Amino acid sequence: MLVIYTLQDTIEQDRAMVQAYVSAIHRAMAFVKATPLADVQALVTPKYFSGIDPDAVSAELGFDKSTWAYDGVIDKSSFERGAKPWYRKGTDIPETKYEDVVDISFLQAARAKYK
């Protein structure tokens, strides 16, 4: 599942930038899904995991690769499952409807462009 948070003002002011960002994330997720774990680890370790036990890095990246949903969609039922802890008493998070906060048009455009 790919969830990108942005303000409505940002979308309205620079829709092209938001589209470029979503497209980049979509392409990155496709790359990670298609690339062997060892290759991903070799690519990111020098910058992000230098000096950390390689076995620990491999375990973390392997867990991520095995648990991520790569399609980029948050459907209504997933949103509603997440709503249970988000909107529980004591969080002070105002309840929001799926239709008011989820816009998959950017993902659809990325999918169409990068098949």
N, C-alpha and C. Protein backbone atom coordinates (compact mmCIF):
# COMPACT_ATOMS: atom_id res chain seq x y z
N MET A 1 0.84 -1.16 0.00
CA MET A 1 0.00 0.00 0.00
C MET A 1 0.89 1.23 0.00
N LEU A 2 0.59 2.11 -0.86
CA LEU A 2 1.36 3.34 -0.98
C LEU A 2 0.48 4.47 -0.48
N VAL A 3 0.91 5.10 0.57
CA VAL A 3 0.15 6.23 1.11
C VAL A 3 1.07 7.44 1.13
N ILE A 4 0.64 8.47 0.45
CA ILE A 4 1.39 9.71 0.43
C ILE A 4 0.46 10.80 0.93
N TYR A 5 0.91 11.48 1.94
CA TYR A 5 0.11 12.54 2.52
C TYR A 5 0.55 13.88 1.93
N THR A 6 -0.40 14.68 1.57
CA THR A 6 -0.11 16.04 1.13
C THR A 6 -1.30 16.93 1.43
N LEU A 7 -1.04 18.18 1.54
CA LEU A 7 -2.11 19.14 1.79
C LEU A 7 -2.87 19.43 0.50
N GLN A 8 -4.15 19.68 0.62
CA GLN A 8 -4.96 20.04 -0.54
C GLN A 8 -4.39 21.27 -1.23
N ASP A 9 -3.89 22.22 -0.43
CA ASP A 9 -3.28 23.44 -1.00
C ASP A 9 -2.10 23.09 -1.91
N THR A 10 -1.31 22.10 -1.51
CA THR A 10 -0.16 21.69 -2.31
C THR A 10 -0.63 21.12 -3.64
N ILE A 11 -1.65 20.30 -3.60
CA ILE A 11 -2.19 19.73 -4.83
C ILE A 11 -2.70 20.84 -5.74
N GLU A 12 -3.42 21.77 -5.17
CA GLU A 12 -3.98 22.85 -5.98
C GLU A 12 -2.91 23.79 -6.54
N GLN A 13 -1.85 24.03 -5.78
CA GLN A 13 -0.82 24.97 -6.20
C GLN A 13 0.21 24.36 -7.16
N ASP A 14 0.48 23.06 -7.03
CA ASP A 14 1.51 22.46 -7.88
C ASP A 14 1.18 21.00 -8.17
N ARG A 15 0.13 20.82 -8.91
CA ARG A 15 -0.35 19.48 -9.25
C ARG A 15 0.74 18.67 -9.98
N ALA A 16 1.51 19.32 -10.84
CA ALA A 16 2.56 18.64 -11.59
C ALA A 16 3.64 18.09 -10.66
N MET A 17 3.99 18.84 -9.63
CA MET A 17 5.00 18.37 -8.67
C MET A 17 4.46 17.17 -7.89
N VAL A 18 3.21 17.23 -7.48
CA VAL A 18 2.61 16.10 -6.76
C VAL A 18 2.60 14.87 -7.66
N GLN A 19 2.23 15.06 -8.93
CA GLN A 19 2.23 13.94 -9.87
C GLN A 19 3.63 13.36 -10.04
N ALA A 20 4.63 14.22 -10.16
CA ALA A 20 6.01 13.75 -10.32
C ALA A 20 6.44 12.94 -9.10
N TYR A 21 6.06 13.39 -7.92
CA TYR A 21 6.43 12.69 -6.68
C TYR A 21 5.76 11.32 -6.62
N VAL A 22 4.46 11.27 -6.88
CA VAL A 22 3.74 9.99 -6.85
C VAL A 22 4.31 9.05 -7.91
N SER A 23 4.61 9.58 -9.08
CA SER A 23 5.18 8.74 -10.14
C SER A 23 6.54 8.18 -9.72
N ALA A 24 7.36 8.99 -9.08
CA ALA A 24 8.67 8.53 -8.62
C ALA A 24 8.54 7.43 -7.57
N ILE A 25 7.62 7.60 -6.64
CA ILE A 25 7.41 6.57 -5.62
C ILE A 25 6.89 5.29 -6.28
N HIS A 26 5.96 5.43 -7.20
CA HIS A 26 5.41 4.26 -7.92
C HIS A 26 6.54 3.50 -8.63
N ARG A 27 7.41 4.22 -9.32
CA ARG A 27 8.51 3.58 -10.02
C ARG A 27 9.51 2.96 -9.05
N ALA A 28 9.78 3.63 -7.94
CA ALA A 28 10.70 3.08 -6.94
C ALA A 28 10.16 1.78 -6.35
N MET A 29 8.86 1.76 -6.06
CA MET A 29 8.27 0.53 -5.51
C MET A 29 8.33 -0.61 -6.51
N ALA A 30 8.12 -0.31 -7.78
CA ALA A 30 8.23 -1.35 -8.81
C ALA A 30 9.66 -1.87 -8.89
N PHE A 31 10.63 -0.97 -8.79
CA PHE A 31 12.03 -1.37 -8.81
C PHE A 31 12.36 -2.28 -7.62
N VAL A 32 11.94 -1.88 -6.43
CA VAL A 32 12.23 -2.68 -5.24
C VAL A 32 11.58 -4.06 -5.34
N LYS A 33 10.36 -4.10 -5.83
CA LYS A 33 9.67 -5.38 -5.96
C LYS A 33 10.40 -6.31 -6.93
N ALA A 34 10.90 -5.76 -8.04
CA ALA A 34 11.52 -6.57 -9.08
C ALA A 34 12.99 -6.89 -8.84
N THR A 35 13.62 -6.20 -7.91
CA THR A 35 15.06 -6.32 -7.72
C THR A 35 15.38 -7.26 -6.56
N PRO A 36 16.32 -8.18 -6.76
CA PRO A 36 16.70 -9.07 -5.66
C PRO A 36 17.15 -8.29 -4.42
N LEU A 37 16.85 -8.83 -3.27
CA LEU A 37 17.17 -8.19 -1.99
C LEU A 37 18.64 -7.79 -1.90
N ALA A 38 19.53 -8.65 -2.29
CA ALA A 38 20.97 -8.35 -2.19
C ALA A 38 21.33 -7.11 -3.02
N ASP A 39 20.70 -6.95 -4.18
CA ASP A 39 20.97 -5.79 -5.03
C ASP A 39 20.43 -4.50 -4.41
N VAL A 40 19.24 -4.59 -3.82
CA VAL A 40 18.67 -3.42 -3.13
C VAL A 40 19.58 -3.03 -1.97
N GLN A 41 20.00 -4.04 -1.20
CA GLN A 41 20.87 -3.78 -0.05
C GLN A 41 22.18 -3.15 -0.50
N ALA A 42 22.78 -3.64 -1.55
CA ALA A 42 24.04 -3.08 -2.04
C ALA A 42 23.86 -1.62 -2.48
N LEU A 43 22.71 -1.30 -3.01
CA LEU A 43 22.44 0.05 -3.48
C LEU A 43 22.25 1.04 -2.34
N VAL A 44 21.51 0.65 -1.29
CA VAL A 44 21.17 1.60 -0.24
C VAL A 44 22.10 1.60 0.98
N THR A 45 22.85 0.52 1.16
CA THR A 45 23.68 0.42 2.36
C THR A 45 24.70 1.55 2.50
N PRO A 46 25.46 1.88 1.47
CA PRO A 46 26.48 2.93 1.67
C PRO A 46 25.92 4.25 2.21
N LYS A 47 24.76 4.65 1.74
CA LYS A 47 24.20 5.93 2.15
C LYS A 47 23.40 5.85 3.45
N TYR A 48 22.63 4.78 3.62
CA TYR A 48 21.67 4.73 4.73
C TYR A 48 22.02 3.77 5.86
N PHE A 49 22.87 2.79 5.59
CA PHE A 49 23.13 1.76 6.61
C PHE A 49 24.61 1.52 6.84
N SER A 50 25.45 2.48 6.52
CA SER A 50 26.89 2.33 6.71
C SER A 50 27.20 2.07 8.18
N GLY A 51 28.00 1.06 8.43
CA GLY A 51 28.41 0.74 9.79
C GLY A 51 27.43 -0.13 10.56
N ILE A 52 26.32 -0.49 9.94
CA ILE A 52 25.33 -1.34 10.60
C ILE A 52 25.54 -2.78 10.15
N ASP A 53 25.36 -3.71 11.06
CA ASP A 53 25.54 -5.13 10.77
C ASP A 53 24.77 -5.50 9.50
N PRO A 54 25.46 -5.99 8.47
CA PRO A 54 24.80 -6.34 7.21
C PRO A 54 23.68 -7.36 7.36
N ASP A 55 23.82 -8.27 8.32
CA ASP A 55 22.75 -9.25 8.54
C ASP A 55 21.49 -8.58 9.07
N ALA A 56 21.67 -7.57 9.92
CA ALA A 56 20.52 -6.82 10.44
C ALA A 56 19.86 -6.02 9.32
N VAL A 57 20.66 -5.43 8.46
CA VAL A 57 20.11 -4.67 7.33
C VAL A 57 19.34 -5.61 6.41
N SER A 58 19.93 -6.74 6.13
CA SER A 58 19.27 -7.73 5.27
C SER A 58 17.95 -8.19 5.87
N ALA A 59 17.93 -8.42 7.16
CA ALA A 59 16.70 -8.86 7.83
C ALA A 59 15.62 -7.78 7.73
N GLU A 60 16.01 -6.54 7.96
CA GLU A 60 15.04 -5.43 7.89
C GLU A 60 14.51 -5.24 6.47
N LEU A 61 15.42 -5.17 5.51
CA LEU A 61 14.98 -4.98 4.13
C LEU A 61 14.17 -6.17 3.63
N GLY A 62 14.57 -7.36 4.05
CA GLY A 62 13.82 -8.56 3.67
C GLY A 62 12.42 -8.56 4.24
N PHE A 63 12.29 -8.09 5.48
CA PHE A 63 10.96 -7.99 6.10
C PHE A 63 10.12 -6.98 5.32
N ASP A 64 10.71 -5.83 5.01
CA ASP A 64 9.98 -4.81 4.26
C ASP A 64 9.51 -5.36 2.91
N LYS A 65 10.43 -6.00 2.18
CA LYS A 65 10.07 -6.53 0.85
C LYS A 65 8.96 -7.56 0.95
N SER A 66 8.94 -8.32 2.03
CA SER A 66 7.95 -9.39 2.15
C SER A 66 6.59 -8.91 2.66
N THR A 67 6.54 -7.73 3.21
CA THR A 67 5.28 -7.26 3.79
C THR A 67 4.64 -6.10 3.04
N TRP A 68 5.38 -5.42 2.21
CA TRP A 68 4.81 -4.27 1.48
C TRP A 68 3.77 -4.74 0.48
N ALA A 69 2.76 -3.93 0.31
CA ALA A 69 1.82 -4.10 -0.80
C ALA A 69 2.32 -3.16 -1.88
N TYR A 70 2.61 -3.68 -3.02
CA TYR A 70 3.28 -2.90 -4.07
C TYR A 70 2.32 -2.24 -5.06
N ASP A 71 1.02 -2.46 -4.91
CA ASP A 71 0.10 -1.92 -5.90
C ASP A 71 -0.20 -0.44 -5.72
N GLY A 72 0.11 0.10 -4.57
CA GLY A 72 -0.06 1.53 -4.35
C GLY A 72 -1.46 1.98 -4.00
N VAL A 73 -2.35 1.05 -3.76
CA VAL A 73 -3.75 1.40 -3.52
C VAL A 73 -4.10 1.29 -2.05
N ILE A 74 -4.82 2.28 -1.57
CA ILE A 74 -5.48 2.13 -0.28
C ILE A 74 -6.97 2.12 -0.58
N ASP A 75 -7.57 0.96 -0.43
CA ASP A 75 -8.99 0.86 -0.73
C ASP A 75 -9.81 1.25 0.50
N LYS A 76 -11.11 1.34 0.30
CA LYS A 76 -11.98 1.81 1.36
C LYS A 76 -11.95 0.88 2.57
N SER A 77 -11.92 -0.42 2.36
CA SER A 77 -11.91 -1.35 3.50
C SER A 77 -10.61 -1.24 4.30
N SER A 78 -9.48 -1.04 3.62
CA SER A 78 -8.21 -0.84 4.34
C SER A 78 -8.24 0.45 5.13
N PHE A 79 -8.76 1.49 4.53
CA PHE A 79 -8.89 2.77 5.22
C PHE A 79 -9.76 2.62 6.47
N GLU A 80 -10.86 1.90 6.33
CA GLU A 80 -11.76 1.72 7.47
C GLU A 80 -11.12 0.89 8.58
N ARG A 81 -10.29 -0.10 8.22
CA ARG A 81 -9.55 -0.86 9.25
C ARG A 81 -8.59 0.07 9.99
N GLY A 82 -7.91 0.94 9.25
CA GLY A 82 -7.00 1.89 9.87
C GLY A 82 -7.73 2.91 10.72
N ALA A 83 -8.96 3.21 10.34
CA ALA A 83 -9.74 4.22 11.08
C ALA A 83 -9.99 3.81 12.52
N LYS A 84 -10.03 2.53 12.78
CA LYS A 84 -10.32 2.07 14.16
C LYS A 84 -9.31 2.63 15.16
N PRO A 85 -8.00 2.49 14.93
CA PRO A 85 -7.07 3.11 15.89
C PRO A 85 -6.91 4.61 15.70
N TRP A 86 -7.05 5.10 14.47
CA TRP A 86 -6.87 6.54 14.24
C TRP A 86 -7.91 7.36 14.98
N TYR A 87 -9.16 6.92 14.91
CA TYR A 87 -10.27 7.73 15.41
C TYR A 87 -10.80 7.26 16.77
N ARG A 88 -10.05 6.44 17.46
CA ARG A 88 -10.52 5.96 18.77
C ARG A 88 -10.50 7.11 19.78
N LYS A 89 -11.22 6.91 20.84
CA LYS A 89 -11.30 7.92 21.89
C LYS A 89 -9.89 8.23 22.42
N GLY A 90 -9.62 9.50 22.55
CA GLY A 90 -8.34 9.92 23.10
C GLY A 90 -7.32 10.34 22.05
N THR A 91 -7.58 10.08 20.77
CA THR A 91 -6.59 10.47 19.76
C THR A 91 -6.77 11.91 19.30
N ASP A 92 -7.95 12.44 19.46
CA ASP A 92 -8.26 13.81 19.02
C ASP A 92 -8.11 13.99 17.51
N ILE A 93 -8.10 12.92 16.78
CA ILE A 93 -8.05 13.00 15.32
C ILE A 93 -9.49 13.05 14.83
N PRO A 94 -9.84 14.10 14.10
CA PRO A 94 -11.23 14.19 13.63
C PRO A 94 -11.53 13.11 12.60
N GLU A 95 -12.67 12.47 12.73
CA GLU A 95 -13.05 11.42 11.80
C GLU A 95 -13.23 12.01 10.40
N THR A 96 -12.71 11.29 9.43
CA THR A 96 -12.72 11.74 8.05
C THR A 96 -13.21 10.61 7.16
N LYS A 97 -13.97 10.96 6.15
CA LYS A 97 -14.47 9.95 5.22
C LYS A 97 -13.41 9.65 4.15
N TYR A 98 -13.34 8.40 3.77
CA TYR A 98 -12.42 7.93 2.73
C TYR A 98 -12.51 8.81 1.48
N GLU A 99 -13.71 9.07 1.05
CA GLU A 99 -13.93 9.83 -0.18
C GLU A 99 -13.37 11.25 -0.09
N ASP A 100 -13.25 11.77 1.11
CA ASP A 100 -12.77 13.14 1.30
C ASP A 100 -11.25 13.25 1.34
N VAL A 101 -10.55 12.13 1.51
CA VAL A 101 -9.10 12.22 1.68
C VAL A 101 -8.27 11.33 0.74
N VAL A 102 -8.90 10.42 0.05
CA VAL A 102 -8.15 9.53 -0.83
C VAL A 102 -8.41 9.92 -2.29
N ASP A 103 -7.32 10.17 -3.01
CA ASP A 103 -7.39 10.52 -4.42
C ASP A 103 -6.40 9.64 -5.16
N ILE A 104 -6.91 8.64 -5.87
CA ILE A 104 -6.00 7.74 -6.57
C ILE A 104 -5.71 8.17 -8.00
N SER A 105 -6.17 9.35 -8.38
CA SER A 105 -5.94 9.80 -9.76
C SER A 105 -4.46 9.95 -10.07
N PHE A 106 -3.65 10.34 -9.09
CA PHE A 106 -2.21 10.48 -9.33
C PHE A 106 -1.58 9.11 -9.58
N LEU A 107 -2.00 8.12 -8.80
CA LEU A 107 -1.49 6.77 -9.00
C LEU A 107 -1.94 6.21 -10.35
N GLN A 108 -3.18 6.46 -10.70
CA GLN A 108 -3.68 5.99 -11.99
C GLN A 108 -2.86 6.59 -13.14
N ALA A 109 -2.53 7.86 -13.03
CA ALA A 109 -1.72 8.52 -14.07
C ALA A 109 -0.31 7.92 -14.12
N ALA A 110 0.26 7.64 -12.96
CA ALA A 110 1.60 7.03 -12.93
C ALA A 110 1.57 5.64 -13.54
N ARG A 111 0.56 4.88 -13.21
CA ARG A 111 0.42 3.53 -13.77
C ARG A 111 0.29 3.57 -15.29
N ALA A 112 -0.49 4.52 -15.78
CA ALA A 112 -0.70 4.63 -17.23
C ALA A 112 0.61 5.00 -17.94
N LYS A 113 1.38 5.87 -17.32
CA LYS A 113 2.62 6.34 -17.95
C LYS A 113 3.75 5.30 -17.85
N TYR A 114 3.81 4.58 -16.74
CA TYR A 114 4.93 3.65 -16.49
C TYR A 114 4.43 2.21 -16.40
N LYS A 115 3.86 1.72 -17.47
CA LYS A 115 3.35 0.33 -17.51
C LYS A 115 4.50 -0.63 -17.53
